[in-house]
């Protein structure tokens, strides 16, 4: 598995990152893999992880406009199955997908956990 650190271990500069894609994962899986998320921005994000990979790639995993901060008061993190992935480029999505797939209970190919924008409308 690709080595990485999270915001729980050191401060990671995520300034100027933006959404690069999506990844399928349940909250418990992310919690076990990355530790506790930090609180979101109090407006559109409720749960967020910041990650820096050994290759220098920076990524964020977060919900966007899908939780209590945006008025969806009955939604908890366990109900979210497709998360936004931010970063500076597509490598952020690829690296996140690789660690999520590698830590899955059932073996899956890393590219199979990458979400697609069209899937947002079917969730």
PDB file of N, CA and C in Angstrom:
ATOM      1  N   UNK A   1       0.846  -1.176   0.000  1.00  0.00           N
ATOM      2  CA  UNK A   1       0.000   0.000   0.000  1.00  0.00           C
ATOM      3  C   UNK A   1       0.894   1.242   0.000  1.00  0.00           C
ATOM      4  N   UNK A   2       0.418   2.275  -0.634  1.00  0.00           N
ATOM      5  CA  UNK A   2       1.114   3.555  -0.668  1.00  0.00           C
ATOM      6  C   UNK A   2       1.186   4.112   0.750  1.00  0.00           C
ATOM      7  N   UNK A   3       2.342   4.612   1.134  1.00  0.00           N
ATOM      8  CA  UNK A   3       2.489   5.231   2.454  1.00  0.00           C
ATOM      9  C   UNK A   3       1.871   6.627   2.436  1.00  0.00           C
ATOM     10  N   UNK A   4       1.320   7.035   3.581  1.00  0.00           N
ATOM     11  CA  UNK A   4       0.701   8.353   3.685  1.00  0.00           C
ATOM     12  C   UNK A   4       0.634   8.785   5.142  1.00  0.00           C
ATOM     13  N   UNK A   5       0.425  10.078   5.346  1.00  0.00           N
ATOM     14  CA  UNK A   5       0.139  10.631   6.665  1.00  0.00           C
ATOM     15  C   UNK A   5      -1.161  11.424   6.552  1.00  0.00           C
ATOM     16  N   UNK A   6      -1.834  11.605   7.680  1.00  0.00           N
ATOM     17  CA  UNK A   6      -3.077  12.367   7.689  1.00  0.00           C
ATOM     18  C   UNK A   6      -2.942  13.573   8.608  1.00  0.00           C
ATOM     19  N   UNK A   7      -3.982  14.383   8.613  1.00  0.00           N
ATOM     20  CA  UNK A   7      -4.039  15.552   9.482  1.00  0.00           C
ATOM     21  C   UNK A   7      -3.951  15.154  10.946  1.00  0.00           C
ATOM     22  N   UNK A   8      -4.220  13.902  11.272  1.00  0.00           N
ATOM     23  CA  UNK A   8      -4.109  13.431  12.652  1.00  0.00           C
ATOM     24  C   UNK A   8      -2.655  13.289  13.092  1.00  0.00           C
ATOM     25  N   UNK A   9      -1.724  13.229  12.128  1.00  0.00           N
ATOM     26  CA  UNK A   9      -0.314  13.044  12.441  1.00  0.00           C
ATOM     27  C   UNK A   9       0.510  14.310  12.246  1.00  0.00           C
ATOM     28  N   UNK A  10       0.150  15.099  11.255  1.00  0.00           N
ATOM     29  CA  UNK A  10       0.874  16.347  11.012  1.00  0.00           C
ATOM     30  C   UNK A  10      -0.003  17.303  10.211  1.00  0.00           C
ATOM     31  N   UNK A  11       0.349  18.565  10.255  1.00  0.00           N
ATOM     32  CA  UNK A  11      -0.411  19.557   9.491  1.00  0.00           C
ATOM     33  C   UNK A  11      -0.104  19.386   8.003  1.00  0.00           C
ATOM     34  N   UNK A  12      -1.142  19.412   7.200  1.00  0.00           N
ATOM     35  CA  UNK A  12      -0.997  19.243   5.752  1.00  0.00           C
ATOM     36  C   UNK A  12      -1.580  20.465   5.070  1.00  0.00           C
ATOM     37  N   UNK A  13      -0.810  21.065   4.185  1.00  0.00           N
ATOM     38  CA  UNK A  13      -1.258  22.263   3.482  1.00  0.00           C
ATOM     39  C   UNK A  13      -2.197  21.863   2.345  1.00  0.00           C
ATOM     40  N   UNK A  14      -3.477  22.183   2.503  1.00  0.00           N
ATOM     41  CA  UNK A  14      -4.473  21.866   1.473  1.00  0.00           C
ATOM     42  C   UNK A  14      -4.940  23.134   0.755  1.00  0.00           C
ATOM     43  N   UNK A  15      -4.272  24.248   1.012  1.00  0.00           N
ATOM     44  CA  UNK A  15      -4.653  25.511   0.393  1.00  0.00           C
ATOM     45  C   UNK A  15      -4.656  25.391  -1.131  1.00  0.00           C
ATOM     46  N   UNK A  16      -5.747  25.815  -1.737  1.00  0.00           N
ATOM     47  CA  UNK A  16      -5.923  25.830  -3.192  1.00  0.00           C
ATOM     48  C   UNK A  16      -6.197  24.446  -3.793  1.00  0.00           C
ATOM     49  N   UNK A  17      -6.520  23.455  -2.963  1.00  0.00           N
ATOM     50  CA  UNK A  17      -6.970  22.184  -3.527  1.00  0.00           C
ATOM     51  C   UNK A  17      -8.409  22.362  -4.002  1.00  0.00           C
ATOM     52  N   UNK A  18      -8.827  21.519  -4.896  1.00  0.00           N
ATOM     53  CA  UNK A  18     -10.206  21.561  -5.396  1.00  0.00           C
ATOM     54  C   UNK A  18     -10.642  20.142  -5.729  1.00  0.00           C
ATOM     55  N   UNK A  19     -11.952  19.985  -5.899  1.00  0.00           N
ATOM     56  CA  UNK A  19     -12.466  18.642  -6.187  1.00  0.00           C
ATOM     57  C   UNK A  19     -11.876  18.109  -7.489  1.00  0.00           C
ATOM     58  N   UNK A  20     -11.376  16.894  -7.393  1.00  0.00           N
ATOM     59  CA  UNK A  20     -10.798  16.215  -8.549  1.00  0.00           C
ATOM     60  C   UNK A  20     -11.637  15.018  -8.966  1.00  0.00           C
ATOM     61  N   UNK A  21     -12.474  14.528  -8.044  1.00  0.00           N
ATOM     62  CA  UNK A  21     -13.289  13.360  -8.359  1.00  0.00           C
ATOM     63  C   UNK A  21     -13.975  12.838  -7.122  1.00  0.00           C
ATOM     64  N   UNK A  22     -14.326  11.547  -7.166  1.00  0.00           N
ATOM     65  CA  UNK A  22     -15.109  10.921  -6.111  1.00  0.00           C
ATOM     66  C   UNK A  22     -14.574   9.522  -5.839  1.00  0.00           C
ATOM     67  N   UNK A  23     -14.868   9.032  -4.638  1.00  0.00           N
ATOM     68  CA  UNK A  23     -14.496   7.672  -4.295  1.00  0.00           C
ATOM     69  C   UNK A  23     -15.640   7.046  -3.488  1.00  0.00           C
ATOM     70  N   UNK A  24     -15.904   5.764  -3.747  1.00  0.00           N
ATOM     71  CA  UNK A  24     -16.880   5.009  -2.975  1.00  0.00           C
ATOM     72  C   UNK A  24     -16.199   4.430  -1.742  1.00  0.00           C
ATOM     73  N   UNK A  25     -16.750   4.729  -0.587  1.00  0.00           N
ATOM     74  CA  UNK A  25     -16.266   4.145   0.662  1.00  0.00           C
ATOM     75  C   UNK A  25     -17.284   4.453   1.743  1.00  0.00           C
ATOM     76  N   UNK A  26     -17.410   3.551   2.686  1.00  0.00           N
ATOM     77  CA  UNK A  26     -18.293   3.890   3.797  1.00  0.00           C
ATOM     78  C   UNK A  26     -17.464   4.555   4.900  1.00  0.00           C
ATOM     79  N   UNK A  27     -18.166   5.256   5.754  1.00  0.00           N
ATOM     80  CA  UNK A  27     -17.524   6.042   6.804  1.00  0.00           C
ATOM     81  C   UNK A  27     -16.648   5.179   7.716  1.00  0.00           C
ATOM     82  N   UNK A  28     -17.135   4.033   8.107  1.00  0.00           N
ATOM     83  CA  UNK A  28     -16.372   3.165   9.008  1.00  0.00           C
ATOM     84  C   UNK A  28     -15.052   2.721   8.373  1.00  0.00           C
ATOM     85  N   UNK A  29     -15.088   2.461   7.089  1.00  0.00           N
ATOM     86  CA  UNK A  29     -13.864   2.087   6.376  1.00  0.00           C
ATOM     87  C   UNK A  29     -12.860   3.235   6.418  1.00  0.00           C
ATOM     88  N   UNK A  30     -13.323   4.444   6.102  1.00  0.00           N
ATOM     89  CA  UNK A  30     -12.435   5.608   6.129  1.00  0.00           C
ATOM     90  C   UNK A  30     -11.922   5.889   7.535  1.00  0.00           C
ATOM     91  N   UNK A  31     -12.783   5.733   8.513  1.00  0.00           N
ATOM     92  CA  UNK A  31     -12.401   5.951   9.906  1.00  0.00           C
ATOM     93  C   UNK A  31     -11.288   4.984  10.315  1.00  0.00           C
ATOM     94  N   UNK A  32     -11.420   3.720   9.942  1.00  0.00           N
ATOM     95  CA  UNK A  32     -10.395   2.737  10.257  1.00  0.00           C
ATOM     96  C   UNK A  32      -9.092   2.976   9.514  1.00  0.00           C
ATOM     97  N   UNK A  33      -9.193   3.453   8.306  1.00  0.00           N
ATOM     98  CA  UNK A  33      -8.017   3.686   7.462  1.00  0.00           C
ATOM     99  C   UNK A  33      -7.294   4.974   7.818  1.00  0.00           C
ATOM    100  N   UNK A  34      -8.054   6.046   8.062  1.00  0.00           N
ATOM    101  CA  UNK A  34      -7.470   7.387   8.176  1.00  0.00           C
ATOM    102  C   UNK A  34      -7.589   8.017   9.560  1.00  0.00           C
ATOM    103  N   UNK A  35      -8.343   7.382  10.440  1.00  0.00           N
ATOM    104  CA  UNK A  35      -8.551   7.985  11.748  1.00  0.00           C
ATOM    105  C   UNK A  35      -9.705   8.970  11.712  1.00  0.00           C
ATOM    106  N   UNK A  36      -9.850   9.701  12.782  1.00  0.00           N
ATOM    107  CA  UNK A  36     -10.970  10.621  12.940  1.00  0.00           C
ATOM    108  C   UNK A  36     -10.865  11.786  11.944  1.00  0.00           C
ATOM    109  N   UNK A  37     -11.978  12.096  11.275  1.00  0.00           N
ATOM    110  CA  UNK A  37     -11.960  13.273  10.397  1.00  0.00           C
ATOM    111  C   UNK A  37     -11.992  14.535  11.239  1.00  0.00           C
ATOM    112  N   UNK A  38     -11.593  15.641  10.650  1.00  0.00           N
ATOM    113  CA  UNK A  38     -11.778  16.895  11.365  1.00  0.00           C
ATOM    114  C   UNK A  38     -13.110  17.490  10.951  1.00  0.00           C
ATOM    115  N   UNK A  39     -13.611  18.387  11.778  1.00  0.00           N
ATOM    116  CA  UNK A  39     -14.877  19.037  11.465  1.00  0.00           C
ATOM    117  C   UNK A  39     -14.718  19.825  10.185  1.00  0.00           C
ATOM    118  N   UNK A  40     -15.784  19.932   9.454  1.00  0.00           N
ATOM    119  CA  UNK A  40     -15.750  20.660   8.190  1.00  0.00           C
ATOM    120  C   UNK A  40     -15.711  22.163   8.393  1.00  0.00           C
ATOM    121  N   UNK A  41     -16.180  22.849   7.391  1.00  0.00           N
ATOM    122  CA  UNK A  41     -16.111  24.311   7.385  1.00  0.00           C
ATOM    123  C   UNK A  41     -17.299  24.979   8.080  1.00  0.00           C
ATOM    124  N   UNK A  42     -18.231  24.183   8.589  1.00  0.00           N
ATOM    125  CA  UNK A  42     -19.396  24.745   9.248  1.00  0.00           C
ATOM    126  C   UNK A  42     -20.443  25.268   8.288  1.00  0.00           C
ATOM    127  N   UNK A  43     -20.236  25.026   7.013  1.00  0.00           N
ATOM    128  CA  UNK A  43     -21.149  25.555   6.004  1.00  0.00           C
ATOM    129  C   UNK A  43     -21.587  24.475   5.018  1.00  0.00           C
ATOM    130  N   UNK A  44     -20.646  23.921   4.273  1.00  0.00           N
ATOM    131  CA  UNK A  44     -20.976  22.926   3.251  1.00  0.00           C
ATOM    132  C   UNK A  44     -20.310  21.573   3.493  1.00  0.00           C
ATOM    133  N   UNK A  45     -19.325  21.524   4.366  1.00  0.00           N
ATOM    134  CA  UNK A  45     -18.577  20.297   4.645  1.00  0.00           C
ATOM    135  C   UNK A  45     -18.735  19.956   6.121  1.00  0.00           C
ATOM    136  N   UNK A  46     -19.034  18.683   6.403  1.00  0.00           N
ATOM    137  CA  UNK A  46     -19.185  18.228   7.783  1.00  0.00           C
ATOM    138  C   UNK A  46     -18.015  17.380   8.256  1.00  0.00           C
ATOM    139  N   UNK A  47     -17.483  16.527   7.378  1.00  0.00           N
ATOM    140  CA  UNK A  47     -16.423  15.590   7.742  1.00  0.00           C
ATOM    141  C   UNK A  47     -15.361  15.622   6.654  1.00  0.00           C
ATOM    142  N   UNK A  48     -14.085  15.747   7.086  1.00  0.00           N
ATOM    143  CA  UNK A  48     -13.003  15.861   6.103  1.00  0.00           C
ATOM    144  C   UNK A  48     -11.714  15.249   6.642  1.00  0.00           C
ATOM    145  N   UNK A  49     -11.025  14.552   5.765  1.00  0.00           N
ATOM    146  CA  UNK A  49      -9.686  14.036   6.046  1.00  0.00           C
ATOM    147  C   UNK A  49      -8.713  14.705   5.093  1.00  0.00           C
ATOM    148  N   UNK A  50      -7.532  15.045   5.602  1.00  0.00           N
ATOM    149  CA  UNK A  50      -6.443  15.572   4.772  1.00  0.00           C
ATOM    150  C   UNK A  50      -5.335  14.526   4.764  1.00  0.00           C
ATOM    151  N   UNK A  51      -4.787  14.280   3.588  1.00  0.00           N
ATOM    152  CA  UNK A  51      -3.807  13.205   3.413  1.00  0.00           C
ATOM    153  C   UNK A  51      -2.645  13.724   2.573  1.00  0.00           C
ATOM    154  N   UNK A  52      -1.437  13.317   2.937  1.00  0.00           N
ATOM    155  CA  UNK A  52      -0.282  13.537   2.073  1.00  0.00           C
ATOM    156  C   UNK A  52       0.391  12.195   1.848  1.00  0.00           C
ATOM    157  N   UNK A  53       0.563  11.842   0.580  1.00  0.00           N
ATOM    158  CA  UNK A  53       1.145  10.555   0.201  1.00  0.00           C
ATOM    159  C   UNK A  53       2.656  10.672   0.062  1.00  0.00           C
ATOM    160  N   UNK A  54       3.312   9.520   0.075  1.00  0.00           N
ATOM    161  CA  UNK A  54       4.768   9.480  -0.004  1.00  0.00           C
ATOM    162  C   UNK A  54       5.314  10.120  -1.284  1.00  0.00           C
ATOM    163  N   UNK A  55       4.504  10.165  -2.338  1.00  0.00           N
ATOM    164  CA  UNK A  55       4.967  10.793  -3.592  1.00  0.00           C
ATOM    165  C   UNK A  55       4.739  12.307  -3.595  1.00  0.00           C
ATOM    166  N   UNK A  56       4.247  12.854  -2.458  1.00  0.00           N
ATOM    167  CA  UNK A  56       4.012  14.294  -2.345  1.00  0.00           C
ATOM    168  C   UNK A  56       2.603  14.728  -2.722  1.00  0.00           C
ATOM    169  N   UNK A  57       1.802  13.805  -3.237  1.00  0.00           N
ATOM    170  CA  UNK A  57       0.421  14.123  -3.607  1.00  0.00           C
ATOM    171  C   UNK A  57      -0.381  14.459  -2.353  1.00  0.00           C
ATOM    172  N   UNK A  58      -1.134  15.542  -2.415  1.00  0.00           N
ATOM    173  CA  UNK A  58      -2.018  15.954  -1.327  1.00  0.00           C
ATOM    174  C   UNK A  58      -3.456  15.668  -1.751  1.00  0.00           C
ATOM    175  N   UNK A  59      -4.237  15.122  -0.829  1.00  0.00           N
ATOM    176  CA  UNK A  59      -5.639  14.818  -1.118  1.00  0.00           C
ATOM    177  C   UNK A  59      -6.503  15.168   0.087  1.00  0.00           C
ATOM    178  N   UNK A  60      -7.739  15.469  -0.192  1.00  0.00           N
ATOM    179  CA  UNK A  60      -8.747  15.630   0.843  1.00  0.00           C
ATOM    180  C   UNK A  60      -9.911  14.709   0.496  1.00  0.00           C
ATOM    181  N   UNK A  61     -10.555  14.173   1.512  1.00  0.00           N
ATOM    182  CA  UNK A  61     -11.771  13.383   1.330  1.00  0.00           C
ATOM    183  C   UNK A  61     -12.825  14.061   2.183  1.00  0.00           C
ATOM    184  N   UNK A  62     -13.975  14.369   1.586  1.00  0.00           N
ATOM    185  CA  UNK A  62     -14.970  15.145   2.319  1.00  0.00           C
ATOM    186  C   UNK A  62     -16.359  14.975   1.719  1.00  0.00           C
ATOM    187  N   UNK A  63     -17.358  15.246   2.548  1.00  0.00           N
ATOM    188  CA  UNK A  63     -18.721  15.332   2.017  1.00  0.00           C
ATOM    189  C   UNK A  63     -18.937  16.779   1.588  1.00  0.00           C
ATOM    190  N   UNK A  64     -19.814  16.997   0.646  1.00  0.00           N
ATOM    191  CA  UNK A  64     -20.065  18.342   0.122  1.00  0.00           C
ATOM    192  C   UNK A  64     -21.570  18.542  -0.021  1.00  0.00           C
ATOM    193  N   UNK A  65     -22.092  19.457   0.750  1.00  0.00           N
ATOM    194  CA  UNK A  65     -23.515  19.792   0.685  1.00  0.00           C
ATOM    195  C   UNK A  65     -24.415  18.576   0.890  1.00  0.00           C
ATOM    196  N   UNK A  66     -24.000  17.671   1.764  1.00  0.00           N
ATOM    197  CA  UNK A  66     -24.795  16.458   1.963  1.00  0.00           C
ATOM    198  C   UNK A  66     -24.977  16.112   3.430  1.00  0.00           C
ATOM    199  N   UNK A  67     -24.776  17.088   4.305  1.00  0.00           N
ATOM    200  CA  UNK A  67     -24.883  16.813   5.731  1.00  0.00           C
ATOM    201  C   UNK A  67     -25.531  17.951   6.496  1.00  0.00           C
ATOM    202  N   UNK A  68     -25.483  17.885   7.808  1.00  0.00           N
ATOM    203  CA  UNK A  68     -26.157  18.858   8.663  1.00  0.00           C
ATOM    204  C   UNK A  68     -25.742  20.315   8.421  1.00  0.00           C
ATOM    205  N   UNK A  69     -24.477  20.555   8.093  1.00  0.00           N
ATOM    206  CA  UNK A  69     -24.048  21.941   7.873  1.00  0.00           C
ATOM    207  C   UNK A  69     -24.764  22.593   6.700  1.00  0.00           C
ATOM    208  N   UNK A  70     -25.290  21.795   5.792  1.00  0.00           N
ATOM    209  CA  UNK A  70     -25.991  22.345   4.628  1.00  0.00           C
ATOM    210  C   UNK A  70     -27.497  22.121   4.722  1.00  0.00           C
ATOM    211  N   UNK A  71     -27.976  21.804   5.909  1.00  0.00           N
ATOM    212  CA  UNK A  71     -29.411  21.666   6.119  1.00  0.00           C
ATOM    213  C   UNK A  71     -29.949  20.254   6.029  1.00  0.00           C
ATOM    214  N   UNK A  72     -29.111  19.284   5.780  1.00  0.00           N
ATOM    215  CA  UNK A  72     -29.542  17.882   5.733  1.00  0.00           C
ATOM    216  C   UNK A  72     -29.364  17.310   7.139  1.00  0.00           C
ATOM    217  N   UNK A  73     -30.205  17.751   8.050  1.00  0.00           N
ATOM    218  CA  UNK A  73     -30.033  17.477   9.470  1.00  0.00           C
ATOM    219  C   UNK A  73     -30.160  16.006   9.849  1.00  0.00           C
ATOM    220  N   UNK A  74     -30.826  15.230   9.045  1.00  0.00           N
ATOM    221  CA  UNK A  74     -31.015  13.818   9.372  1.00  0.00           C
ATOM    222  C   UNK A  74     -29.938  12.914   8.768  1.00  0.00           C
ATOM    223  N   UNK A  75     -28.918  13.501   8.153  1.00  0.00           N
ATOM    224  CA  UNK A  75     -27.844  12.717   7.526  1.00  0.00           C
ATOM    225  C   UNK A  75     -26.636  12.659   8.453  1.00  0.00           C
ATOM    226  N   UNK A  76     -26.159  11.447   8.688  1.00  0.00           N
ATOM    227  CA  UNK A  76     -24.931  11.243   9.444  1.00  0.00           C
ATOM    228  C   UNK A  76     -23.852  10.707   8.528  1.00  0.00           C
ATOM    229  N   UNK A  77     -22.615  10.675   8.981  1.00  0.00           N
ATOM    230  CA  UNK A  77     -21.528  10.231   8.103  1.00  0.00           C
ATOM    231  C   UNK A  77     -21.684   8.792   7.629  1.00  0.00           C
ATOM    232  N   UNK A  78     -22.355   7.963   8.408  1.00  0.00           N
ATOM    233  CA  UNK A  78     -22.550   6.570   8.013  1.00  0.00           C
ATOM    234  C   UNK A  78     -23.478   6.389   6.834  1.00  0.00           C
ATOM    235  N   UNK A  79     -24.204   7.425   6.471  1.00  0.00           N
ATOM    236  CA  UNK A  79     -25.125   7.345   5.344  1.00  0.00           C
ATOM    237  C   UNK A  79     -24.480   7.769   4.027  1.00  0.00           C
ATOM    238  N   UNK A  80     -23.279   8.287   4.086  1.00  0.00           N
ATOM    239  CA  UNK A  80     -22.594   8.752   2.874  1.00  0.00           C
ATOM    240  C   UNK A  80     -21.757   7.601   2.328  1.00  0.00           C
ATOM    241  N   UNK A  81     -21.925   7.308   1.051  1.00  0.00           N
ATOM    242  CA  UNK A  81     -21.172   6.210   0.432  1.00  0.00           C
ATOM    243  C   UNK A  81     -20.277   6.677  -0.713  1.00  0.00           C
ATOM    244  N   UNK A  82     -20.493   7.889  -1.192  1.00  0.00           N
ATOM    245  CA  UNK A  82     -19.610   8.435  -2.217  1.00  0.00           C
ATOM    246  C   UNK A  82     -19.097   9.785  -1.723  1.00  0.00           C
ATOM    247  N   UNK A  83     -17.783   9.881  -1.585  1.00  0.00           N
ATOM    248  CA  UNK A  83     -17.130  11.048  -1.014  1.00  0.00           C
ATOM    249  C   UNK A  83     -16.397  11.829  -2.094  1.00  0.00           C
ATOM    250  N   UNK A  84     -16.329  13.126  -1.919  1.00  0.00           N
ATOM    251  CA  UNK A  84     -15.538  13.977  -2.805  1.00  0.00           C
ATOM    252  C   UNK A  84     -14.062  13.787  -2.488  1.00  0.00           C
ATOM    253  N   UNK A  85     -13.243  13.851  -3.509  1.00  0.00           N
ATOM    254  CA  UNK A  85     -11.791  13.817  -3.331  1.00  0.00           C
ATOM    255  C   UNK A  85     -11.239  15.098  -3.922  1.00  0.00           C
ATOM    256  N   UNK A  86     -10.540  15.847  -3.091  1.00  0.00           N
ATOM    257  CA  UNK A  86      -9.896  17.075  -3.552  1.00  0.00           C
ATOM    258  C   UNK A  86      -8.410  16.874  -3.675  1.00  0.00           C
ATOM    259  N   UNK A  87      -7.782  17.794  -4.363  1.00  0.00           N
ATOM    260  CA  UNK A  87      -6.336  17.752  -4.531  1.00  0.00           C
ATOM    261  C   UNK A  87      -5.918  18.767  -5.567  1.00  0.00           C
ATOM    262  N   UNK A  88      -4.706  18.624  -6.041  1.00  0.00           N
ATOM    263  CA  UNK A  88      -4.183  19.522  -7.065  1.00  0.00           C
ATOM    264  C   UNK A  88      -4.299  18.922  -8.462  1.00  0.00           C
ATOM    265  N   UNK A  89      -4.508  17.601  -8.537  1.00  0.00           N
ATOM    266  CA  UNK A  89      -4.617  16.919  -9.829  1.00  0.00           C
ATOM    267  C   UNK A  89      -5.262  15.547  -9.639  1.00  0.00           C
ATOM    268  N   UNK A  90      -5.438  14.846 -10.722  1.00  0.00           N
ATOM    269  CA  UNK A  90      -6.103  13.535 -10.715  1.00  0.00           C
ATOM    270  C   UNK A  90      -5.358  12.497  -9.892  1.00  0.00           C
ATOM    271  N   UNK A  91      -4.072  12.687  -9.683  1.00  0.00           N
ATOM    272  CA  UNK A  91      -3.309  11.725  -8.888  1.00  0.00           C
ATOM    273  C   UNK A  91      -3.878  11.594  -7.478  1.00  0.00           C
ATOM    274  N   UNK A  92      -4.501  12.655  -6.967  1.00  0.00           N
ATOM    275  CA  UNK A  92      -5.132  12.593  -5.645  1.00  0.00           C
ATOM    276  C   UNK A  92      -6.220  11.524  -5.631  1.00  0.00           C
ATOM    277  N   UNK A  93      -7.056  11.507  -6.650  1.00  0.00           N
ATOM    278  CA  UNK A  93      -8.129  10.506  -6.737  1.00  0.00           C
ATOM    279  C   UNK A  93      -7.539   9.112  -6.873  1.00  0.00           C
ATOM    280  N   UNK A  94      -6.560   8.962  -7.741  1.00  0.00           N
ATOM    281  CA  UNK A  94      -5.954   7.650  -7.954  1.00  0.00           C
ATOM    282  C   UNK A  94      -5.336   7.109  -6.663  1.00  0.00           C
ATOM    283  N   UNK A  95      -4.593   7.959  -5.940  1.00  0.00           N
ATOM    284  CA  UNK A  95      -3.953   7.502  -4.703  1.00  0.00           C
ATOM    285  C   UNK A  95      -4.983   7.152  -3.636  1.00  0.00           C
ATOM    286  N   UNK A  96      -6.019   7.974  -3.492  1.00  0.00           N
ATOM    287  CA  UNK A  96      -7.069   7.666  -2.521  1.00  0.00           C
ATOM    288  C   UNK A  96      -7.743   6.351  -2.889  1.00  0.00           C
ATOM    289  N   UNK A  97      -8.068   6.167  -4.160  1.00  0.00           N
ATOM    290  CA  UNK A  97      -8.705   4.927  -4.596  1.00  0.00           C
ATOM    291  C   UNK A  97      -7.814   3.721  -4.300  1.00  0.00           C
ATOM    292  N   UNK A  98      -6.523   3.874  -4.480  1.00  0.00           N
ATOM    293  CA  UNK A  98      -5.602   2.760  -4.231  1.00  0.00           C
ATOM    294  C   UNK A  98      -5.569   2.361  -2.762  1.00  0.00           C
ATOM    295  N   UNK A  99      -5.554   3.338  -1.847  1.00  0.00           N
ATOM    296  CA  UNK A  99      -5.504   2.966  -0.425  1.00  0.00           C
ATOM    297  C   UNK A  99      -6.848   2.443   0.067  1.00  0.00           C
ATOM    298  N   UNK A 100      -7.928   2.974  -0.481  1.00  0.00           N
ATOM    299  CA  UNK A 100      -9.252   2.473  -0.108  1.00  0.00           C
ATOM    300  C   UNK A 100      -9.404   1.024  -0.581  1.00  0.00           C
ATOM    301  N   UNK A 101      -9.034   0.760  -1.820  1.00  0.00           N
ATOM    302  CA  UNK A 101      -9.145  -0.602  -2.358  1.00  0.00           C
ATOM    303  C   UNK A 101      -8.229  -1.567  -1.621  1.00  0.00           C
ATOM    304  N   UNK A 102      -6.998  -1.141  -1.352  1.00  0.00           N
ATOM    305  CA  UNK A 102      -6.033  -2.033  -0.694  1.00  0.00           C
ATOM    306  C   UNK A 102      -6.445  -2.382   0.729  1.00  0.00           C
ATOM    307  N   UNK A 103      -7.252  -1.532   1.359  1.00  0.00           N
ATOM    308  CA  UNK A 103      -7.664  -1.782   2.742  1.00  0.00           C
ATOM    309  C   UNK A 103      -9.081  -2.339   2.841  1.00  0.00           C
ATOM    310  N   UNK A 104      -9.674  -2.675   1.711  1.00  0.00           N
ATOM    311  CA  UNK A 104     -11.028  -3.231   1.711  1.00  0.00           C
ATOM    312  C   UNK A 104     -11.043  -4.654   2.260  1.00  0.00           C
ATOM    313  N   UNK A 105     -12.152  -5.021   2.875  1.00  0.00           N
ATOM    314  CA  UNK A 105     -12.308  -6.386   3.392  1.00  0.00           C
ATOM    315  C   UNK A 105     -12.247  -7.399   2.261  1.00  0.00           C
ATOM    316  N   UNK A 106     -12.913  -7.072   1.158  1.00  0.00           N
ATOM    317  CA  UNK A 106     -12.911  -7.936  -0.017  1.00  0.00           C
ATOM    318  C   UNK A 106     -11.969  -7.344  -1.057  1.00  0.00           C
ATOM    319  N   UNK A 107     -11.179  -8.174  -1.711  1.00  0.00           N
ATOM    320  CA  UNK A 107     -10.257  -7.657  -2.724  1.00  0.00           C
ATOM    321  C   UNK A 107     -11.011  -6.959  -3.864  1.00  0.00           C
ATOM    322  N   UNK A 108     -10.601  -5.750  -4.183  1.00  0.00           N
ATOM    323  CA  UNK A 108     -11.171  -5.009  -5.307  1.00  0.00           C
ATOM    324  C   UNK A 108     -10.047  -4.297  -6.040  1.00  0.00           C
ATOM    325  N   UNK A 109     -10.270  -4.059  -7.309  1.00  0.00           N
ATOM    326  CA  UNK A 109      -9.316  -3.276  -8.091  1.00  0.00           C
ATOM    327  C   UNK A 109      -9.484  -1.810  -7.717  1.00  0.00           C
ATOM    328  N   UNK A 110      -8.387  -1.077  -7.644  1.00  0.00           N
ATOM    329  CA  UNK A 110      -8.444   0.306  -7.169  1.00  0.00           C
ATOM    330  C   UNK A 110      -9.359   1.176  -8.020  1.00  0.00           C
ATOM    331  N   UNK A 111      -9.380   0.957  -9.323  1.00  0.00           N
ATOM    332  CA  UNK A 111     -10.196   1.807 -10.187  1.00  0.00           C
ATOM    333  C   UNK A 111     -11.694   1.564 -10.002  1.00  0.00           C
ATOM    334  N   UNK A 112     -12.063   0.453  -9.357  1.00  0.00           N
ATOM    335  CA  UNK A 112     -13.481   0.168  -9.153  1.00  0.00           C
ATOM    336  C   UNK A 112     -14.096   0.988  -8.019  1.00  0.00           C
ATOM    337  N   UNK A 113     -13.287   1.647  -7.210  1.00  0.00           N
ATOM    338  CA  UNK A 113     -13.831   2.470  -6.126  1.00  0.00           C
ATOM    339  C   UNK A 113     -13.928   3.946  -6.516  1.00  0.00           C
ATOM    340  N   UNK A 114     -13.527   4.271  -7.734  1.00  0.00           N
ATOM    341  CA  UNK A 114     -13.644   5.657  -8.193  1.00  0.00           C
ATOM    342  C   UNK A 114     -15.086   5.929  -8.576  1.00  0.00           C
ATOM    343  N   UNK A 115     -15.656   6.972  -7.990  1.00  0.00           N
ATOM    344  CA  UNK A 115     -17.028   7.364  -8.279  1.00  0.00           C
ATOM    345  C   UNK A 115     -17.101   8.281  -9.478  1.00  0.00           C
ATOM    346  N   UNK A 116     -18.294   8.486  -9.974  1.00  0.00           N
ATOM    347  CA  UNK A 116     -18.508   9.342 -11.141  1.00  0.00           C
ATOM    348  C   UNK A 116     -19.628  10.322 -10.840  1.00  0.00           C
ATOM    349  N   UNK A 117     -19.502  11.532 -11.373  1.00  0.00           N
ATOM    350  CA  UNK A 117     -20.464  12.575 -11.078  1.00  0.00           C
ATOM    351  C   UNK A 117     -21.894  12.153 -11.393  1.00  0.00           C
ATOM    352  N   UNK A 118     -22.088  11.413 -12.458  1.00  0.00           N
ATOM    353  CA  UNK A 118     -23.437  10.970 -12.823  1.00  0.00           C
ATOM    354  C   UNK A 118     -24.052  10.119 -11.718  1.00  0.00           C
ATOM    355  N   UNK A 119     -23.218   9.441 -10.928  1.00  0.00           N
ATOM    356  CA  UNK A 119     -23.722   8.606  -9.838  1.00  0.00           C
ATOM    357  C   UNK A 119     -24.344   9.421  -8.712  1.00  0.00           C
ATOM    358  N   UNK A 120     -24.005  10.689  -8.618  1.00  0.00           N
ATOM    359  CA  UNK A 120     -24.576  11.524  -7.572  1.00  0.00           C
ATOM    360  C   UNK A 120     -26.101  11.591  -7.684  1.00  0.00           C
ATOM    361  N   UNK A 121     -26.609  11.555  -8.862  1.00  0.00           N
ATOM    362  CA  UNK A 121     -28.050  11.701  -9.074  1.00  0.00           C
ATOM    363  C   UNK A 121     -28.802  10.412  -8.806  1.00  0.00           C
ATOM    364  N   UNK A 122     -28.071   9.294  -8.713  1.00  0.00           N
ATOM    365  CA  UNK A 122     -28.746   8.021  -8.471  1.00  0.00           C
ATOM    366  C   UNK A 122     -28.635   7.577  -7.011  1.00  0.00           C
ATOM    367  N   UNK A 123     -27.923   8.331  -6.190  1.00  0.00           N
ATOM    368  CA  UNK A 123     -27.762   7.936  -4.781  1.00  0.00           C
ATOM    369  C   UNK A 123     -28.962   8.321  -3.965  1.00  0.00           C
TER     370      UNK A 123
END
